[in-house]
Amino acid sequence: MWHIVMIGYVFTTFMFAIAQPSLARVVIYLIFWTILPTAFVIWVAITRRRNKIMKWQEQQDHAQRLQLENEKKLPENE
C-alpha cells in the first residue's frame, strides 16, 4: 500500500517541480522535494524488510535449537 502513496507523491512533486519558472528552481525542487524523500522512504522500507527477515530467521533458528535440545533429552529420560 505504501508504494501506491509513494508513486502519487513522486508524481505530484515532479509535476510541481516542472511547473517552476527557472531551471535552478526545478532542480532544487526535484532534489529536495522528490529525490531525497524518495530515497529515504526506499531506505526505510528496505531496512524494515531486512530487520523483519532477520527476526524471522532468528525465531526459526531458536525453534530449531530448542527442538534439537528436546530430541537429545528424550532418550536420556527413558
Protein backbone atom coordinates (compact mmCIF):
# COMPACT_ATOMS: atom_id res chain seq x y z
CA MET A 1 0.00 0.00 0.00
CA TRP A 2 2.81 2.41 0.83
CA HIS A 3 4.17 2.18 -2.70
CA ILE A 4 0.91 3.49 -4.17
CA VAL A 5 1.10 6.55 -1.92
CA MET A 6 4.77 6.99 -2.84
CA ILE A 7 4.01 6.90 -6.57
CA GLY A 8 1.38 9.62 -6.08
CA TYR A 9 3.80 11.70 -4.02
CA VAL A 10 6.57 11.42 -6.63
CA PHE A 11 4.17 12.28 -9.44
CA THR A 12 2.81 15.31 -7.60
CA THR A 13 6.18 16.71 -6.56
CA PHE A 14 7.64 16.03 -10.01
CA MET A 15 4.83 17.95 -11.72
CA PHE A 16 5.16 20.76 -9.20
CA ALA A 17 8.91 20.97 -9.87
CA ILE A 18 8.45 21.01 -13.64
CA ALA A 19 5.98 23.91 -13.32
CA GLN A 20 8.64 26.19 -11.80
CA PRO A 21 9.74 29.18 -13.89
CA SER A 22 13.51 28.69 -13.74
CA LEU A 23 15.76 25.68 -14.22
CA ALA A 24 17.50 26.28 -10.89
CA ARG A 25 14.20 26.07 -9.02
CA VAL A 26 13.27 22.93 -10.97
CA VAL A 27 16.50 21.23 -9.91
CA ILE A 28 16.19 22.35 -6.29
CA TYR A 29 12.57 21.22 -6.05
CA LEU A 30 13.39 17.88 -7.69
CA ILE A 31 16.27 17.21 -5.33
CA PHE A 32 14.75 18.37 -2.05
CA TRP A 33 11.09 17.50 -2.58
CA THR A 34 11.30 14.40 -4.79
CA ILE A 35 14.65 12.60 -4.86
CA LEU A 36 15.78 12.89 -1.22
CA PRO A 37 12.42 11.96 0.36
CA THR A 38 12.01 9.09 -2.11
CA ALA A 39 15.49 7.78 -1.31
CA PHE A 40 14.71 8.00 2.41
CA VAL A 41 11.42 6.11 2.06
CA ILE A 42 13.09 3.39 -0.01
CA TRP A 43 15.88 3.10 2.56
CA VAL A 44 13.34 2.80 5.39
CA ALA A 45 11.36 0.15 3.51
CA ILE A 46 14.46 -1.91 2.75
CA THR A 47 15.73 -1.63 6.32
CA ARG A 48 12.37 -2.65 7.82
CA ARG A 49 12.12 -5.61 5.45
CA ARG A 50 15.67 -6.70 6.27
CA ASN A 51 15.01 -6.45 10.00
CA LYS A 52 11.76 -8.39 9.69
CA ILE A 53 13.52 -11.17 7.75
CA MET A 54 16.38 -11.28 10.27
CA LYS A 55 13.92 -11.51 13.17
CA TRP A 56 12.04 -14.33 11.45
CA GLN A 57 15.30 -16.20 10.81
CA GLU A 58 16.35 -15.80 14.45
CA GLN A 59 12.99 -17.20 15.59
CA GLN A 60 13.40 -20.17 13.23
CA ASP A 61 16.95 -20.82 14.45
CA HIS A 62 15.84 -20.62 18.07
CA ALA A 63 12.96 -23.03 17.42
CA GLN A 64 15.31 -25.47 15.69
CA ARG A 65 17.79 -25.29 18.59
CA LEU A 66 15.02 -25.98 21.10
CA GLN A 67 13.76 -28.90 19.03
CA LEU A 68 17.27 -30.40 18.83
CA GLU A 69 17.77 -29.97 22.58
CA ASN A 70 14.43 -31.65 23.29
CA GLU A 71 15.31 -34.56 20.99
CA LYS A 72 18.62 -35.05 22.80
CA LYS A 73 16.93 -35.02 26.23
CA LEU A 74 14.23 -37.54 25.38
CA PRO A 75 16.41 -40.69 25.10
CA GLU A 76 18.16 -39.89 28.40
CA ASN A 77 14.88 -39.85 30.34
CA GLU A 78 13.70 -43.24 29.10
